[in-house]
């Protein structure tokens, strides 16, 4: 199990918690947010345990979930 990955942390940025098991897909979502004009601090997790931990620690504004592959119930 890989630890949570933080993509592009920025002060005052939109806090995004992204549940994703594919690194390429996580990068594509980050890229789409940037292209859409969002400054985003994105934390990517793969498991329910990581999700729960980061939900408290990261206090996201938005949660993005890959429902087809991530291991979160």
PDB file of N, CA and C in Angstrom:
ATOM      1  N   UNK A   1       0.845  -1.170   0.000  1.00  0.00           N
ATOM      2  CA  UNK A   1       0.000   0.000   0.000  1.00  0.00           C
ATOM      3  C   UNK A   1       0.889   1.231   0.000  1.00  0.00           C
ATOM      4  N   UNK A   2       0.730   2.086  -0.969  1.00  0.00           N
ATOM      5  CA  UNK A   2       1.502   3.324  -1.065  1.00  0.00           C
ATOM      6  C   UNK A   2       0.880   4.381  -0.169  1.00  0.00           C
ATOM      7  N   UNK A   3       1.711   5.259   0.411  1.00  0.00           N
ATOM      8  CA  UNK A   3       1.147   6.333   1.227  1.00  0.00           C
ATOM      9  C   UNK A   3       0.397   7.339   0.365  1.00  0.00           C
ATOM     10  N   UNK A   4      -0.417   8.158   1.014  1.00  0.00           N
ATOM     11  CA  UNK A   4      -1.157   9.185   0.285  1.00  0.00           C
ATOM     12  C   UNK A   4      -0.182  10.075  -0.470  1.00  0.00           C
ATOM     13  N   UNK A   5      -0.574  10.480  -1.653  1.00  0.00           N
ATOM     14  CA  UNK A   5       0.269  11.318  -2.493  1.00  0.00           C
ATOM     15  C   UNK A   5      -0.378  12.698  -2.599  1.00  0.00           C
ATOM     16  N   UNK A   6       0.424  13.739  -2.371  1.00  0.00           N
ATOM     17  CA  UNK A   6      -0.073  15.101  -2.485  1.00  0.00           C
ATOM     18  C   UNK A   6       0.409  15.674  -3.804  1.00  0.00           C
ATOM     19  N   UNK A   7      -0.524  16.177  -4.600  1.00  0.00           N
ATOM     20  CA  UNK A   7      -0.198  16.769  -5.895  1.00  0.00           C
ATOM     21  C   UNK A   7      -0.390  18.278  -5.803  1.00  0.00           C
ATOM     22  N   UNK A   8       0.653  19.031  -6.096  1.00  0.00           N
ATOM     23  CA  UNK A   8       0.617  20.487  -6.221  1.00  0.00           C
ATOM     24  C   UNK A   8       0.017  21.205  -5.014  1.00  0.00           C
ATOM     25  N   UNK A   9       0.612  21.041  -3.817  1.00  0.00           N
ATOM     26  CA  UNK A   9       0.074  21.780  -2.674  1.00  0.00           C
ATOM     27  C   UNK A   9       0.315  23.280  -2.837  1.00  0.00           C
ATOM     28  N   UNK A  10      -0.701  24.080  -2.571  1.00  0.00           N
ATOM     29  CA  UNK A  10      -0.612  25.529  -2.683  1.00  0.00           C
ATOM     30  C   UNK A  10      -1.440  26.155  -1.573  1.00  0.00           C
ATOM     31  N   UNK A  11      -0.902  27.172  -0.893  1.00  0.00           N
ATOM     32  CA  UNK A  11      -1.701  27.848   0.135  1.00  0.00           C
ATOM     33  C   UNK A  11      -2.969  28.446  -0.469  1.00  0.00           C
ATOM     34  N   UNK A  12      -4.093  28.273   0.200  1.00  0.00           N
ATOM     35  CA  UNK A  12      -5.354  28.828  -0.274  1.00  0.00           C
ATOM     36  C   UNK A  12      -5.989  28.073  -1.435  1.00  0.00           C
ATOM     37  N   UNK A  13      -5.406  26.949  -1.813  1.00  0.00           N
ATOM     38  CA  UNK A  13      -5.911  26.184  -2.951  1.00  0.00           C
ATOM     39  C   UNK A  13      -7.148  25.371  -2.551  1.00  0.00           C
ATOM     40  N   UNK A  14      -7.911  24.985  -3.563  1.00  0.00           N
ATOM     41  CA  UNK A  14      -9.030  24.079  -3.379  1.00  0.00           C
ATOM     42  C   UNK A  14      -8.467  22.756  -2.858  1.00  0.00           C
ATOM     43  N   UNK A  15      -8.979  22.284  -1.723  1.00  0.00           N
ATOM     44  CA  UNK A  15      -8.481  21.032  -1.136  1.00  0.00           C
ATOM     45  C   UNK A  15      -9.291  19.864  -1.701  1.00  0.00           C
ATOM     46  N   UNK A  16      -8.615  18.982  -2.422  1.00  0.00           N
ATOM     47  CA  UNK A  16      -9.265  17.858  -3.091  1.00  0.00           C
ATOM     48  C   UNK A  16      -8.720  16.554  -2.507  1.00  0.00           C
ATOM     49  N   UNK A  17      -9.615  15.671  -2.103  1.00  0.00           N
ATOM     50  CA  UNK A  17      -9.247  14.320  -1.700  1.00  0.00           C
ATOM     51  C   UNK A  17      -9.705  13.402  -2.823  1.00  0.00           C
ATOM     52  N   UNK A  18      -8.750  12.736  -3.470  1.00  0.00           N
ATOM     53  CA  UNK A  18      -9.042  11.933  -4.660  1.00  0.00           C
ATOM     54  C   UNK A  18      -8.766  10.469  -4.344  1.00  0.00           C
ATOM     55  N   UNK A  19      -9.799   9.637  -4.426  1.00  0.00           N
ATOM     56  CA  UNK A  19      -9.671   8.196  -4.221  1.00  0.00           C
ATOM     57  C   UNK A  19      -9.457   7.578  -5.595  1.00  0.00           C
ATOM     58  N   UNK A  20      -8.233   7.106  -5.828  1.00  0.00           N
ATOM     59  CA  UNK A  20      -7.859   6.629  -7.167  1.00  0.00           C
ATOM     60  C   UNK A  20      -6.743   5.605  -7.050  1.00  0.00           C
ATOM     61  N   UNK A  21      -6.876   4.510  -7.778  1.00  0.00           N
ATOM     62  CA  UNK A  21      -5.848   3.467  -7.749  1.00  0.00           C
ATOM     63  C   UNK A  21      -4.922   3.504  -8.964  1.00  0.00           C
ATOM     64  N   UNK A  22      -5.131   4.469  -9.844  1.00  0.00           N
ATOM     65  CA  UNK A  22      -4.321   4.559 -11.057  1.00  0.00           C
ATOM     66  C   UNK A  22      -3.630   5.929 -11.076  1.00  0.00           C
ATOM     67  N   UNK A  23      -2.299   5.923 -10.993  1.00  0.00           N
ATOM     68  CA  UNK A  23      -1.533   7.162 -10.956  1.00  0.00           C
ATOM     69  C   UNK A  23      -1.748   8.049 -12.165  1.00  0.00           C
ATOM     70  N   UNK A  24      -1.868   7.447 -13.338  1.00  0.00           N
ATOM     71  CA  UNK A  24      -2.094   8.225 -14.553  1.00  0.00           C
ATOM     72  C   UNK A  24      -3.442   8.938 -14.497  1.00  0.00           C
ATOM     73  N   UNK A  25      -4.468   8.229 -14.040  1.00  0.00           N
ATOM     74  CA  UNK A  25      -5.786   8.856 -13.917  1.00  0.00           C
ATOM     75  C   UNK A  25      -5.763  10.001 -12.906  1.00  0.00           C
ATOM     76  N   UNK A  26      -5.014   9.824 -11.828  1.00  0.00           N
ATOM     77  CA  UNK A  26      -4.888  10.893 -10.828  1.00  0.00           C
ATOM     78  C   UNK A  26      -4.249  12.127 -11.448  1.00  0.00           C
ATOM     79  N   UNK A  27      -3.230  11.928 -12.250  1.00  0.00           N
ATOM     80  CA  UNK A  27      -2.576  13.055 -12.930  1.00  0.00           C
ATOM     81  C   UNK A  27      -3.515  13.720 -13.928  1.00  0.00           C
ATOM     82  N   UNK A  28      -4.326  12.931 -14.631  1.00  0.00           N
ATOM     83  CA  UNK A  28      -5.280  13.498 -15.590  1.00  0.00           C
ATOM     84  C   UNK A  28      -6.323  14.373 -14.892  1.00  0.00           C
ATOM     85  N   UNK A  29      -6.786  13.933 -13.732  1.00  0.00           N
ATOM     86  CA  UNK A  29      -7.744  14.739 -12.968  1.00  0.00           C
ATOM     87  C   UNK A  29      -7.088  16.030 -12.514  1.00  0.00           C
ATOM     88  N   UNK A  30      -5.853  15.945 -12.011  1.00  0.00           N
ATOM     89  CA  UNK A  30      -5.122  17.144 -11.578  1.00  0.00           C
ATOM     90  C   UNK A  30      -4.944  18.109 -12.747  1.00  0.00           C
ATOM     91  N   UNK A  31      -4.598  17.568 -13.891  1.00  0.00           N
ATOM     92  CA  UNK A  31      -4.407  18.392 -15.091  1.00  0.00           C
ATOM     93  C   UNK A  31      -5.724  19.059 -15.504  1.00  0.00           C
ATOM     94  N   UNK A  32      -6.813  18.337 -15.446  1.00  0.00           N
ATOM     95  CA  UNK A  32      -8.115  18.888 -15.819  1.00  0.00           C
ATOM     96  C   UNK A  32      -8.514  20.021 -14.871  1.00  0.00           C
ATOM     97  N   UNK A  33      -8.225  19.864 -13.587  1.00  0.00           N
ATOM     98  CA  UNK A  33      -8.525  20.930 -12.629  1.00  0.00           C
ATOM     99  C   UNK A  33      -7.705  22.180 -12.933  1.00  0.00           C
ATOM    100  N   UNK A  34      -6.409  21.985 -13.218  1.00  0.00           N
ATOM    101  CA  UNK A  34      -5.551  23.130 -13.556  1.00  0.00           C
ATOM    102  C   UNK A  34      -6.041  23.824 -14.829  1.00  0.00           C
ATOM    103  N   UNK A  35      -6.366  23.041 -15.833  1.00  0.00           N
ATOM    104  CA  UNK A  35      -6.866  23.613 -17.098  1.00  0.00           C
ATOM    105  C   UNK A  35      -8.192  24.341 -16.903  1.00  0.00           C
ATOM    106  N   UNK A  36      -8.956  23.894 -15.919  1.00  0.00           N
ATOM    107  CA  UNK A  36     -10.225  24.544 -15.605  1.00  0.00           C
ATOM    108  C   UNK A  36     -10.064  25.797 -14.761  1.00  0.00           C
ATOM    109  N   UNK A  37      -8.817  26.128 -14.433  1.00  0.00           N
ATOM    110  CA  UNK A  37      -8.555  27.346 -13.688  1.00  0.00           C
ATOM    111  C   UNK A  37      -8.507  27.185 -12.182  1.00  0.00           C
ATOM    112  N   UNK A  38      -8.513  25.945 -11.704  1.00  0.00           N
ATOM    113  CA  UNK A  38      -8.469  25.704 -10.266  1.00  0.00           C
ATOM    114  C   UNK A  38      -7.035  25.539  -9.782  1.00  0.00           C
ATOM    115  N   UNK A  39      -6.702  26.254  -8.720  1.00  0.00           N
ATOM    116  CA  UNK A  39      -5.474  25.969  -7.981  1.00  0.00           C
ATOM    117  C   UNK A  39      -5.900  24.928  -6.954  1.00  0.00           C
ATOM    118  N   UNK A  40      -5.328  23.743  -7.013  1.00  0.00           N
ATOM    119  CA  UNK A  40      -5.800  22.654  -6.159  1.00  0.00           C
ATOM    120  C   UNK A  40      -4.658  21.967  -5.435  1.00  0.00           C
ATOM    121  N   UNK A  41      -4.894  21.681  -4.164  1.00  0.00           N
ATOM    122  CA  UNK A  41      -4.014  20.829  -3.372  1.00  0.00           C
ATOM    123  C   UNK A  41      -4.710  19.473  -3.336  1.00  0.00           C
ATOM    124  N   UNK A  42      -4.155  18.508  -4.042  1.00  0.00           N
ATOM    125  CA  UNK A  42      -4.817  17.221  -4.218  1.00  0.00           C
ATOM    126  C   UNK A  42      -4.083  16.145  -3.442  1.00  0.00           C
ATOM    127  N   UNK A  43      -4.830  15.427  -2.603  1.00  0.00           N
ATOM    128  CA  UNK A  43      -4.291  14.267  -1.903  1.00  0.00           C
ATOM    129  C   UNK A  43      -4.929  13.043  -2.542  1.00  0.00           C
ATOM    130  N   UNK A  44      -4.091  12.134  -3.037  1.00  0.00           N
ATOM    131  CA  UNK A  44      -4.577  10.920  -3.693  1.00  0.00           C
ATOM    132  C   UNK A  44      -4.385   9.743  -2.748  1.00  0.00           C
ATOM    133  N   UNK A  45      -5.452   8.981  -2.510  1.00  0.00           N
ATOM    134  CA  UNK A  45      -5.403   7.789  -1.665  1.00  0.00           C
ATOM    135  C   UNK A  45      -5.960   6.602  -2.436  1.00  0.00           C
ATOM    136  N   UNK A  46      -5.625   5.404  -1.944  1.00  0.00           N
ATOM    137  CA  UNK A  46      -6.076   4.197  -2.637  1.00  0.00           C
ATOM    138  C   UNK A  46      -6.973   3.300  -1.795  1.00  0.00           C
ATOM    139  N   UNK A  47      -6.946   3.457  -0.483  1.00  0.00           N
ATOM    140  CA  UNK A  47      -7.684   2.534   0.381  1.00  0.00           C
ATOM    141  C   UNK A  47      -8.638   3.283   1.304  1.00  0.00           C
ATOM    142  N   UNK A  48      -9.570   2.530   1.864  1.00  0.00           N
ATOM    143  CA  UNK A  48     -10.525   3.115   2.796  1.00  0.00           C
ATOM    144  C   UNK A  48      -9.814   3.671   4.028  1.00  0.00           C
ATOM    145  N   UNK A  49      -8.803   2.966   4.488  1.00  0.00           N
ATOM    146  CA  UNK A  49      -8.046   3.427   5.662  1.00  0.00           C
ATOM    147  C   UNK A  49      -7.367   4.769   5.382  1.00  0.00           C
ATOM    148  N   UNK A  50      -6.716   4.881   4.218  1.00  0.00           N
ATOM    149  CA  UNK A  50      -6.086   6.148   3.837  1.00  0.00           C
ATOM    150  C   UNK A  50      -7.137   7.245   3.680  1.00  0.00           C
ATOM    151  N   UNK A  51      -8.261   6.890   3.087  1.00  0.00           N
ATOM    152  CA  UNK A  51      -9.338   7.850   2.875  1.00  0.00           C
ATOM    153  C   UNK A  51      -9.806   8.423   4.209  1.00  0.00           C
ATOM    154  N   UNK A  52     -10.071   7.554   5.165  1.00  0.00           N
ATOM    155  CA  UNK A  52     -10.541   7.990   6.482  1.00  0.00           C
ATOM    156  C   UNK A  52      -9.512   8.876   7.167  1.00  0.00           C
ATOM    157  N   UNK A  53      -8.261   8.477   7.102  1.00  0.00           N
ATOM    158  CA  UNK A  53      -7.185   9.254   7.727  1.00  0.00           C
ATOM    159  C   UNK A  53      -7.065  10.636   7.086  1.00  0.00           C
ATOM    160  N   UNK A  54      -7.073  10.683   5.759  1.00  0.00           N
ATOM    161  CA  UNK A  54      -6.908  11.958   5.051  1.00  0.00           C
ATOM    162  C   UNK A  54      -8.160  12.827   5.111  1.00  0.00           C
ATOM    163  N   UNK A  55      -9.314  12.211   5.277  1.00  0.00           N
ATOM    164  CA  UNK A  55     -10.547  12.986   5.415  1.00  0.00           C
ATOM    165  C   UNK A  55     -10.448  13.887   6.637  1.00  0.00           C
ATOM    166  N   UNK A  56      -9.887  13.364   7.716  1.00  0.00           N
ATOM    167  CA  UNK A  56      -9.696  14.152   8.935  1.00  0.00           C
ATOM    168  C   UNK A  56      -8.507  15.095   8.814  1.00  0.00           C
ATOM    169  N   UNK A  57      -7.397  14.612   8.271  1.00  0.00           N
ATOM    170  CA  UNK A  57      -6.161  15.398   8.216  1.00  0.00           C
ATOM    171  C   UNK A  57      -6.205  16.494   7.154  1.00  0.00           C
ATOM    172  N   UNK A  58      -6.750  16.206   6.001  1.00  0.00           N
ATOM    173  CA  UNK A  58      -6.723  17.110   4.846  1.00  0.00           C
ATOM    174  C   UNK A  58      -7.911  18.074   4.849  1.00  0.00           C
ATOM    175  N   UNK A  59      -9.028  17.656   5.450  1.00  0.00           N
ATOM    176  CA  UNK A  59     -10.258  18.460   5.487  1.00  0.00           C
ATOM    177  C   UNK A  59     -10.602  19.020   4.103  1.00  0.00           C
ATOM    178  N   UNK A  60     -10.915  18.115   3.160  1.00  0.00           N
ATOM    179  CA  UNK A  60     -11.113  18.526   1.767  1.00  0.00           C
ATOM    180  C   UNK A  60     -12.357  19.372   1.550  1.00  0.00           C
ATOM    181  N   UNK A  61     -12.269  20.199   0.505  1.00  0.00           N
ATOM    182  CA  UNK A  61     -13.431  20.930   0.017  1.00  0.00           C
ATOM    183  C   UNK A  61     -14.242  20.036  -0.919  1.00  0.00           C
ATOM    184  N   UNK A  62     -13.533  19.136  -1.616  1.00  0.00           N
ATOM    185  CA  UNK A  62     -14.134  18.262  -2.622  1.00  0.00           C
ATOM    186  C   UNK A  62     -13.527  16.870  -2.496  1.00  0.00           C
ATOM    187  N   UNK A  63     -14.363  15.841  -2.672  1.00  0.00           N
ATOM    188  CA  UNK A  63     -13.882  14.455  -2.721  1.00  0.00           C
ATOM    189  C   UNK A  63     -14.212  13.908  -4.104  1.00  0.00           C
ATOM    190  N   UNK A  64     -13.192  13.377  -4.790  1.00  0.00           N
ATOM    191  CA  UNK A  64     -13.363  12.763  -6.108  1.00  0.00           C
ATOM    192  C   UNK A  64     -13.093  11.277  -5.925  1.00  0.00           C
ATOM    193  N   UNK A  65     -14.027  10.421  -6.371  1.00  0.00           N
ATOM    194  CA  UNK A  65     -13.883   8.984  -6.161  1.00  0.00           C
ATOM    195  C   UNK A  65     -13.984   8.254  -7.498  1.00  0.00           C
ATOM    196  N   UNK A  66     -12.993   7.396  -7.747  1.00  0.00           N
ATOM    197  CA  UNK A  66     -13.055   6.465  -8.875  1.00  0.00           C
ATOM    198  C   UNK A  66     -13.811   5.247  -8.381  1.00  0.00           C
ATOM    199  N   UNK A  67     -15.089   5.198  -8.651  1.00  0.00           N
ATOM    200  CA  UNK A  67     -15.937   4.132  -8.117  1.00  0.00           C
ATOM    201  C   UNK A  67     -15.674   2.770  -8.752  1.00  0.00           C
ATOM    202  N   UNK A  68     -14.992   2.737  -9.883  1.00  0.00           N
ATOM    203  CA  UNK A  68     -14.810   1.454 -10.559  1.00  0.00           C
ATOM    204  C   UNK A  68     -13.604   0.671 -10.064  1.00  0.00           C
ATOM    205  N   UNK A  69     -12.616   1.341  -9.471  1.00  0.00           N
ATOM    206  CA  UNK A  69     -11.419   0.580  -9.124  1.00  0.00           C
ATOM    207  C   UNK A  69     -10.877   0.767  -7.732  1.00  0.00           C
ATOM    208  N   UNK A  70     -11.186   1.853  -7.072  1.00  0.00           N
ATOM    209  CA  UNK A  70     -10.610   2.120  -5.755  1.00  0.00           C
ATOM    210  C   UNK A  70     -11.202   1.191  -4.712  1.00  0.00           C
ATOM    211  N   UNK A  71     -10.421   0.909  -3.686  1.00  0.00           N
ATOM    212  CA  UNK A  71     -10.844  -0.028  -2.642  1.00  0.00           C
ATOM    213  C   UNK A  71     -11.417   0.713  -1.434  1.00  0.00           C
ATOM    214  N   UNK A  72     -12.548   1.389  -1.630  1.00  0.00           N
ATOM    215  CA  UNK A  72     -13.214   2.087  -0.547  1.00  0.00           C
ATOM    216  C   UNK A  72     -14.673   1.680  -0.573  1.00  0.00           C
ATOM    217  N   UNK A  73     -15.188   1.298   0.574  1.00  0.00           N
ATOM    218  CA  UNK A  73     -16.598   0.882   0.681  1.00  0.00           C
ATOM    219  C   UNK A  73     -17.468   2.051   1.042  1.00  0.00           C
TER     220      UNK A  73
END
